[in-house]
Amino acid sequence: MMVGSHVALGAASWLVVAPHLGQPAVGLVPLGLAVIGALLPDIDHPKSWVGQRARPLSTVCAMLLGHRGITHSLFAVAVCTWLLVEHGFSEATVAPLVVGYLSHLGGDLLTPRGLRLAWPLKGTWALPICRTGSASEPLVVMVALCCAIVATVGLDRVQATVRATGLCRLVPDLPAICQALGGPPSKAQACPPPAAVERQRARVAAPPPARPRPPTRAAGSEPRPATAG
């Protein structure tokens, strides 16, 4: 995935996971750490965003390890977590970094190339949904961001905002979607239909207007057929 997609997925992943870890979801420091963690795996690519800013280290990693090698594996996640904990970093620092790192692996798993998650084993794991830089990549990121927003602020508040801003015509009934997906139904009221829909309903419900009757002609006043001269 592109750098912007990894940044968005890292932040979105932290917004979803943070409440379950007892950590503040919204904050400049934790979100920044999650973004840093989401960029770290590409240190093995000299042309990546982080590789260009750590060129010597990135070049060495690329020569020794190759792209999407050990840095894109669960082994790297475990080693990085252990090093951070051993050096005395707090959970508030380690958690967003690890979540961001895992979000990067999750994003690259959605590309056809996949990852060697079980490095040093040679098996490749992939769920090829989108290609890097393709038009489908932003759609995947948008879905992840929407899920993060709903998970952070709650479905009720999202729907209340949608109703207040008049976006109901673009967003279907969120409680019905939530219940269809197996989640608890929302307590918020359903979005009222837009005015255009109300007018259309009124026209359909109204009885059709009576058709005017054609004028009747008196007996013997039928027009005579024209005769050839």
C-alpha atoms as a PDB file:
ATOM      1  CA  MET A   1       0.000   0.000   0.000  1.00  0.00           C
ATOM      2  CA  MET A   2       0.953   3.639  -0.414  1.00  0.00           C
ATOM      3  CA  VAL A   3       2.254   5.706   2.485  1.00  0.00           C
ATOM      4  CA  GLY A   4      -0.991   7.652   2.874  1.00  0.00           C
ATOM      5  CA  SER A   5      -2.982   4.443   3.151  1.00  0.00           C
ATOM      6  CA  HIS A   6      -0.659   3.080   5.831  1.00  0.00           C
ATOM      7  CA  VAL A   7      -0.937   6.322   7.802  1.00  0.00           C
ATOM      8  CA  ALA A   8      -4.736   6.228   7.671  1.00  0.00           C
ATOM      9  CA  LEU A   9      -4.910   2.536   8.574  1.00  0.00           C
ATOM     10  CA  GLY A  10      -2.506   3.014  11.470  1.00  0.00           C
ATOM     11  CA  ALA A  11      -4.564   5.823  12.963  1.00  0.00           C
ATOM     12  CA  ALA A  12      -7.845   3.993  12.335  1.00  0.00           C
ATOM     13  CA  SER A  13      -6.555   0.802  13.930  1.00  0.00           C
ATOM     14  CA  TRP A  14      -5.507   2.672  17.051  1.00  0.00           C
ATOM     15  CA  LEU A  15      -8.903   4.354  17.349  1.00  0.00           C
ATOM     16  CA  VAL A  16     -10.550   0.931  17.311  1.00  0.00           C
ATOM     17  CA  VAL A  17      -8.126  -0.940  19.577  1.00  0.00           C
ATOM     18  CA  ALA A  18      -7.270   1.729  22.165  1.00  0.00           C
ATOM     19  CA  PRO A  19     -10.519   1.514  24.200  1.00  0.00           C
ATOM     20  CA  HIS A  20     -10.033  -2.243  24.610  1.00  0.00           C
ATOM     21  CA  LEU A  21      -6.522  -1.638  25.973  1.00  0.00           C
ATOM     22  CA  GLY A  22      -7.634   1.014  28.427  1.00  0.00           C
ATOM     23  CA  GLN A  23      -5.685   3.668  26.523  1.00  0.00           C
ATOM     24  CA  PRO A  24      -6.883   7.078  25.295  1.00  0.00           C
ATOM     25  CA  ALA A  25      -7.869   6.718  21.660  1.00  0.00           C
ATOM     26  CA  VAL A  26      -7.807  10.374  20.648  1.00  0.00           C
ATOM     27  CA  GLY A  27      -4.588  12.225  21.318  1.00  0.00           C
ATOM     28  CA  LEU A  28      -1.677  13.648  19.375  1.00  0.00           C
ATOM     29  CA  VAL A  29       0.946  11.427  21.020  1.00  0.00           C
ATOM     30  CA  PRO A  30      -0.760   8.005  20.725  1.00  0.00           C
ATOM     31  CA  LEU A  31      -1.993   8.689  17.201  1.00  0.00           C
ATOM     32  CA  GLY A  32       1.471   9.893  16.218  1.00  0.00           C
ATOM     33  CA  LEU A  33       3.061   6.749  17.643  1.00  0.00           C
ATOM     34  CA  ALA A  34       0.542   4.589  15.791  1.00  0.00           C
ATOM     35  CA  VAL A  35       1.410   6.354  12.536  1.00  0.00           C
ATOM     36  CA  ILE A  36       5.135   5.874  13.179  1.00  0.00           C
ATOM     37  CA  GLY A  37       4.549   2.192  13.833  1.00  0.00           C
ATOM     38  CA  ALA A  38       2.537   1.944  10.614  1.00  0.00           C
ATOM     39  CA  LEU A  39       5.507   3.282   8.623  1.00  0.00           C
ATOM     40  CA  LEU A  40       8.343   1.342  10.290  1.00  0.00           C
ATOM     41  CA  PRO A  41       8.035  -1.969   8.353  1.00  0.00           C
ATOM     42  CA  ASP A  42       8.994  -0.225   5.102  1.00  0.00           C
ATOM     43  CA  ILE A  43      12.456   0.550   6.486  1.00  0.00           C
ATOM     44  CA  ASP A  44      13.570  -2.283   4.179  1.00  0.00           C
ATOM     45  CA  HIS A  45      12.676  -0.215   1.088  1.00  0.00           C
ATOM     46  CA  PRO A  46      15.049   2.726   0.344  1.00  0.00           C
ATOM     47  CA  LYS A  47      12.418   4.466  -1.810  1.00  0.00           C
ATOM     48  CA  SER A  48       9.712   4.372   0.842  1.00  0.00           C
ATOM     49  CA  TRP A  49       8.844   7.406   2.948  1.00  0.00           C
ATOM     50  CA  VAL A  50      10.698   6.144   6.012  1.00  0.00           C
ATOM     51  CA  GLY A  51      13.478   4.650   3.884  1.00  0.00           C
ATOM     52  CA  GLN A  52      14.263   8.024   2.328  1.00  0.00           C
ATOM     53  CA  ARG A  53      14.623   9.540   5.805  1.00  0.00           C
ATOM     54  CA  ALA A  54      16.847   6.739   7.082  1.00  0.00           C
ATOM     55  CA  ARG A  55      18.697   6.007   3.864  1.00  0.00           C
ATOM     56  CA  PRO A  56      21.815   4.263   5.263  1.00  0.00           C
ATOM     57  CA  LEU A  57      19.831   1.898   7.487  1.00  0.00           C
ATOM     58  CA  SER A  58      17.229   1.307   4.800  1.00  0.00           C
ATOM     59  CA  THR A  59      19.875   0.473   2.201  1.00  0.00           C
ATOM     60  CA  VAL A  60      21.511  -2.065   4.507  1.00  0.00           C
ATOM     61  CA  CYS A  61      18.141  -3.654   5.323  1.00  0.00           C
ATOM     62  CA  ALA A  62      17.239  -3.863   1.644  1.00  0.00           C
ATOM     63  CA  MET A  63      20.559  -5.525   0.768  1.00  0.00           C
ATOM     64  CA  LEU A  64      20.499  -8.032   3.621  1.00  0.00           C
ATOM     65  CA  LEU A  65      16.802  -8.730   4.060  1.00  0.00           C
ATOM     66  CA  GLY A  66      14.959  -7.629   0.914  1.00  0.00           C
ATOM     67  CA  HIS A  67      11.596  -5.903   0.792  1.00  0.00           C
ATOM     68  CA  ARG A  68       8.690  -7.529   2.648  1.00  0.00           C
ATOM     69  CA  GLY A  69      10.986  -9.928   4.423  1.00  0.00           C
ATOM     70  CA  ILE A  70      11.633 -10.088   8.146  1.00  0.00           C
ATOM     71  CA  THR A  71      10.380  -6.549   8.786  1.00  0.00           C
ATOM     72  CA  HIS A  72       6.974  -7.620   7.475  1.00  0.00           C
ATOM     73  CA  SER A  73       6.631 -10.661   9.736  1.00  0.00           C
ATOM     74  CA  LEU A  74       5.160 -11.506  13.115  1.00  0.00           C
ATOM     75  CA  PHE A  75       8.697 -12.297  14.260  1.00  0.00           C
ATOM     76  CA  ALA A  76       9.620  -8.632  13.790  1.00  0.00           C
ATOM     77  CA  VAL A  77       6.553  -7.562  15.779  1.00  0.00           C
ATOM     78  CA  ALA A  78       7.558  -9.825  18.663  1.00  0.00           C
ATOM     79  CA  VAL A  79      11.187  -8.657  18.619  1.00  0.00           C
ATOM     80  CA  CYS A  80      10.260  -4.961  18.487  1.00  0.00           C
ATOM     81  CA  THR A  81       7.789  -5.381  21.339  1.00  0.00           C
ATOM     82  CA  TRP A  82      10.357  -7.211  23.459  1.00  0.00           C
ATOM     83  CA  LEU A  83      13.050  -4.585  22.820  1.00  0.00           C
ATOM     84  CA  LEU A  84      10.746  -1.715  23.741  1.00  0.00           C
ATOM     85  CA  VAL A  85       9.602  -3.386  26.951  1.00  0.00           C
ATOM     86  CA  GLU A  86      13.149  -4.387  27.928  1.00  0.00           C
ATOM     87  CA  HIS A  87      14.323  -0.791  27.512  1.00  0.00           C
ATOM     88  CA  GLY A  88      11.679   0.442  29.908  1.00  0.00           C
ATOM     89  CA  PHE A  89       9.136   1.991  27.565  1.00  0.00           C
ATOM     90  CA  SER A  90       5.664   2.249  29.041  1.00  0.00           C
ATOM     91  CA  GLU A  91       2.553   0.539  27.732  1.00  0.00           C
ATOM     92  CA  ALA A  92       1.254   3.926  26.569  1.00  0.00           C
ATOM     93  CA  THR A  93       4.226   4.062  24.167  1.00  0.00           C
ATOM     94  CA  VAL A  94       4.518   0.413  23.178  1.00  0.00           C
ATOM     95  CA  ALA A  95       0.823  -0.228  22.494  1.00  0.00           C
ATOM     96  CA  PRO A  96       0.242   2.358  19.721  1.00  0.00           C
ATOM     97  CA  LEU A  97       3.562   1.495  18.063  1.00  0.00           C
ATOM     98  CA  VAL A  98       2.693  -2.203  17.944  1.00  0.00           C
ATOM     99  CA  VAL A  99      -0.877  -1.575  16.791  1.00  0.00           C
ATOM    100  CA  GLY A 100       0.387   0.680  14.009  1.00  0.00           C
ATOM    101  CA  TYR A 101       2.991  -1.913  13.015  1.00  0.00           C
ATOM    102  CA  LEU A 102       0.338  -4.625  12.824  1.00  0.00           C
ATOM    103  CA  SER A 103      -1.916  -2.353  10.760  1.00  0.00           C
ATOM    104  CA  HIS A 104       0.860  -2.083   8.167  1.00  0.00           C
ATOM    105  CA  LEU A 105       1.068  -5.855   7.916  1.00  0.00           C
ATOM    106  CA  GLY A 106      -2.698  -6.076   7.642  1.00  0.00           C
ATOM    107  CA  GLY A 107      -2.750  -3.529   4.831  1.00  0.00           C
ATOM    108  CA  ASP A 108      -0.029  -5.295   2.834  1.00  0.00           C
ATOM    109  CA  LEU A 109      -1.836  -8.603   3.270  1.00  0.00           C
ATOM    110  CA  LEU A 110      -4.615  -7.183   1.098  1.00  0.00           C
ATOM    111  CA  THR A 111      -2.282  -6.889  -1.916  1.00  0.00           C
ATOM    112  CA  PRO A 112      -1.596  -9.747  -4.358  1.00  0.00           C
ATOM    113  CA  ARG A 113       2.073  -9.941  -3.356  1.00  0.00           C
ATOM    114  CA  GLY A 114       1.199 -10.773   0.234  1.00  0.00           C
ATOM    115  CA  LEU A 115       3.622 -11.232   3.134  1.00  0.00           C
ATOM    116  CA  ARG A 116       5.848 -13.869   4.668  1.00  0.00           C
ATOM    117  CA  LEU A 117       4.158 -13.552   8.034  1.00  0.00           C
ATOM    118  CA  ALA A 118       5.783 -16.712   9.378  1.00  0.00           C
ATOM    119  CA  TRP A 119       9.317 -15.679   8.395  1.00  0.00           C
ATOM    120  CA  PRO A 120      11.812 -17.426   8.167  1.00  0.00           C
ATOM    121  CA  LEU A 121       9.393 -19.872   6.566  1.00  0.00           C
ATOM    122  CA  LYS A 122       8.908 -19.231   2.863  1.00  0.00           C
ATOM    123  CA  GLY A 123       5.136 -19.460   2.757  1.00  0.00           C
ATOM    124  CA  THR A 124       3.345 -16.310   1.590  1.00  0.00           C
ATOM    125  CA  TRP A 125       0.053 -15.102   3.040  1.00  0.00           C
ATOM    126  CA  ALA A 126      -2.254 -12.870   1.023  1.00  0.00           C
ATOM    127  CA  LEU A 127      -5.855 -11.754   0.759  1.00  0.00           C
ATOM    128  CA  PRO A 128      -5.666 -10.022  -2.638  1.00  0.00           C
ATOM    129  CA  ILE A 129      -8.360  -7.366  -2.515  1.00  0.00           C
ATOM    130  CA  CYS A 130      -6.521  -4.397  -4.009  1.00  0.00           C
ATOM    131  CA  ARG A 131      -3.278  -3.621  -5.783  1.00  0.00           C
ATOM    132  CA  THR A 132      -0.872  -1.014  -4.455  1.00  0.00           C
ATOM    133  CA  GLY A 133      -1.783   2.373  -5.899  1.00  0.00           C
ATOM    134  CA  SER A 134      -4.963   1.099  -7.574  1.00  0.00           C
ATOM    135  CA  ALA A 135      -8.352   2.801  -7.471  1.00  0.00           C
ATOM    136  CA  SER A 136      -9.654   0.202  -5.010  1.00  0.00           C
ATOM    137  CA  GLU A 137      -7.031   1.055  -2.385  1.00  0.00           C
ATOM    138  CA  PRO A 138      -8.731   4.310  -1.256  1.00  0.00           C
ATOM    139  CA  LEU A 139     -12.040   2.445  -0.977  1.00  0.00           C
ATOM    140  CA  VAL A 140     -10.503  -0.061   1.435  1.00  0.00           C
ATOM    141  CA  VAL A 141      -9.046   2.789   3.481  1.00  0.00           C
ATOM    142  CA  MET A 142     -12.396   4.617   3.537  1.00  0.00           C
ATOM    143  CA  VAL A 143     -14.163   1.528   4.861  1.00  0.00           C
ATOM    144  CA  ALA A 144     -11.540   1.178   7.595  1.00  0.00           C
ATOM    145  CA  LEU A 145     -11.884   4.838   8.560  1.00  0.00           C
ATOM    146  CA  CYS A 146     -15.681   4.595   8.729  1.00  0.00           C
ATOM    147  CA  CYS A 147     -15.435   1.547  10.976  1.00  0.00           C
ATOM    148  CA  ALA A 148     -12.956   3.392  13.187  1.00  0.00           C
ATOM    149  CA  ILE A 149     -15.239   6.415  13.510  1.00  0.00           C
ATOM    150  CA  VAL A 150     -18.243   4.276  14.420  1.00  0.00           C
ATOM    151  CA  ALA A 151     -16.199   2.277  16.923  1.00  0.00           C
ATOM    152  CA  THR A 152     -14.813   5.447  18.512  1.00  0.00           C
ATOM    153  CA  VAL A 153     -17.837   7.724  18.875  1.00  0.00           C
ATOM    154  CA  GLY A 154     -20.618   5.130  18.762  1.00  0.00           C
ATOM    155  CA  LEU A 155     -23.299   4.375  16.222  1.00  0.00           C
ATOM    156  CA  ASP A 156     -25.909   6.556  17.920  1.00  0.00           C
ATOM    157  CA  ARG A 157     -23.755   9.681  17.748  1.00  0.00           C
ATOM    158  CA  VAL A 158     -22.812   8.997  14.136  1.00  0.00           C
ATOM    159  CA  GLN A 159     -26.445   8.688  13.116  1.00  0.00           C
ATOM    160  CA  ALA A 160     -27.422  11.768  15.131  1.00  0.00           C
ATOM    161  CA  THR A 161     -24.765  13.757  13.275  1.00  0.00           C
ATOM    162  CA  VAL A 162     -25.961  12.378   9.949  1.00  0.00           C
ATOM    163  CA  ARG A 163     -29.531  13.396  10.746  1.00  0.00           C
ATOM    164  CA  ALA A 164     -28.496  16.855  11.956  1.00  0.00           C
ATOM    165  CA  THR A 165     -26.402  17.620   8.878  1.00  0.00           C
ATOM    166  CA  GLY A 166     -29.021  16.447   6.383  1.00  0.00           C
ATOM    167  CA  LEU A 167     -26.948  13.577   5.001  1.00  0.00           C
ATOM    168  CA  CYS A 168     -29.758  11.084   5.441  1.00  0.00           C
ATOM    169  CA  ARG A 169     -30.373  10.917   1.717  1.00  0.00           C
ATOM    170  CA  LEU A 170     -26.825   9.565   1.305  1.00  0.00           C
ATOM    171  CA  VAL A 171     -26.707   7.230   4.324  1.00  0.00           C
ATOM    172  CA  PRO A 172     -29.198   4.382   4.747  1.00  0.00           C
ATOM    173  CA  ASP A 173     -30.760   3.468   8.066  1.00  0.00           C
ATOM    174  CA  LEU A 174     -27.754   2.723  10.264  1.00  0.00           C
ATOM    175  CA  PRO A 175     -29.620   0.782  12.974  1.00  0.00           C
ATOM    176  CA  ALA A 176     -30.977  -1.633  10.383  1.00  0.00           C
ATOM    177  CA  ILE A 177     -27.477  -2.190   9.022  1.00  0.00           C
ATOM    178  CA  CYS A 178     -26.079  -2.715  12.503  1.00  0.00           C
ATOM    179  CA  GLN A 179     -28.779  -5.225  13.380  1.00  0.00           C
ATOM    180  CA  ALA A 180     -28.348  -7.037  10.057  1.00  0.00           C
ATOM    181  CA  LEU A 181     -24.636  -7.448  10.776  1.00  0.00           C
ATOM    182  CA  GLY A 182     -25.391  -9.000  14.137  1.00  0.00           C
ATOM    183  CA  GLY A 183     -24.802  -5.955  16.300  1.00  0.00           C
ATOM    184  CA  PRO A 184     -27.171  -4.384  18.819  1.00  0.00           C
ATOM    185  CA  PRO A 185     -29.834  -2.142  17.300  1.00  0.00           C
ATOM    186  CA  SER A 186     -29.244   1.559  17.748  1.00  0.00           C
ATOM    187  CA  LYS A 187     -31.516   3.625  19.985  1.00  0.00           C
ATOM    188  CA  ALA A 188     -31.403   6.594  17.653  1.00  0.00           C
ATOM    189  CA  GLN A 189     -34.415   7.311  15.535  1.00  0.00           C
ATOM    190  CA  ALA A 190     -34.296   6.450  11.892  1.00  0.00           C
ATOM    191  CA  CYS A 191     -33.335   9.165   9.477  1.00  0.00           C
ATOM    192  CA  PRO A 192     -36.379  11.063   8.227  1.00  0.00           C
ATOM    193  CA  PRO A 193     -36.853  10.882   4.492  1.00  0.00           C
ATOM    194  CA  PRO A 194     -35.857  13.967   2.532  1.00  0.00           C
ATOM    195  CA  ALA A 195     -38.472  16.450   1.385  1.00  0.00           C
ATOM    196  CA  ALA A 196     -38.347  15.169  -2.167  1.00  0.00           C
ATOM    197  CA  VAL A 197     -39.299  11.688  -1.018  1.00  0.00           C
ATOM    198  CA  GLU A 198     -42.149  13.109   1.068  1.00  0.00           C
ATOM    199  CA  ARG A 199     -43.533  14.984  -1.921  1.00  0.00           C
ATOM    200  CA  GLN A 200     -43.304  11.866  -4.051  1.00  0.00           C
ATOM    201  CA  ARG A 201     -45.158   9.872  -1.411  1.00  0.00           C
ATOM    202  CA  ALA A 202     -47.878  12.533  -1.254  1.00  0.00           C
ATOM    203  CA  ARG A 203     -48.341  12.405  -5.009  1.00  0.00           C
ATOM    204  CA  VAL A 204     -48.595   8.626  -4.968  1.00  0.00           C
ATOM    205  CA  ALA A 205     -51.091   8.617  -2.088  1.00  0.00           C
ATOM    206  CA  ALA A 206     -53.316  11.328  -3.604  1.00  0.00           C
ATOM    207  CA  PRO A 207     -56.208  10.098  -5.795  1.00  0.00           C
ATOM    208  CA  PRO A 208     -55.676  10.639  -9.504  1.00  0.00           C
ATOM    209  CA  PRO A 209     -57.434  13.725 -10.936  1.00  0.00           C
ATOM    210  CA  ALA A 210     -60.686  13.121 -12.823  1.00  0.00           C
ATOM    211  CA  ARG A 211     -60.283  13.142 -16.573  1.00  0.00           C
ATOM    212  CA  PRO A 212     -62.457  15.714 -18.415  1.00  0.00           C
ATOM    213  CA  ARG A 213     -65.211  14.172 -20.517  1.00  0.00           C
ATOM    214  CA  PRO A 214     -65.190  14.872 -24.244  1.00  0.00           C
ATOM    215  CA  PRO A 215     -67.932  17.306 -25.405  1.00  0.00           C
ATOM    216  CA  THR A 216     -71.128  15.630 -26.592  1.00  0.00           C
ATOM    217  CA  ARG A 217     -72.644  16.478 -29.953  1.00  0.00           C
ATOM    218  CA  ALA A 218     -76.328  16.989 -30.621  1.00  0.00           C
ATOM    219  CA  ALA A 219     -78.203  14.499 -32.794  1.00  0.00           C
ATOM    220  CA  GLY A 220     -77.950  15.225 -36.470  1.00  0.00           C
ATOM    221  CA  SER A 221     -74.926  17.440 -36.111  1.00  0.00           C
ATOM    222  CA  GLU A 222     -72.424  14.850 -37.271  1.00  0.00           C
ATOM    223  CA  PRO A 223     -70.041  16.315 -39.813  1.00  0.00           C
ATOM    224  CA  ARG A 224     -70.750  15.299 -43.375  1.00  0.00           C
ATOM    225  CA  PRO A 225     -67.988  13.572 -45.260  1.00  0.00           C
ATOM    226  CA  ALA A 226     -66.298  15.739 -47.823  1.00  0.00           C
ATOM    227  CA  THR A 227     -67.252  15.015 -51.421  1.00  0.00           C
ATOM    228  CA  ALA A 228     -64.950  15.237 -54.357  1.00  0.00           C
ATOM    229  CA  GLY A 229     -65.549  18.333 -56.427  1.00  0.00           C
END
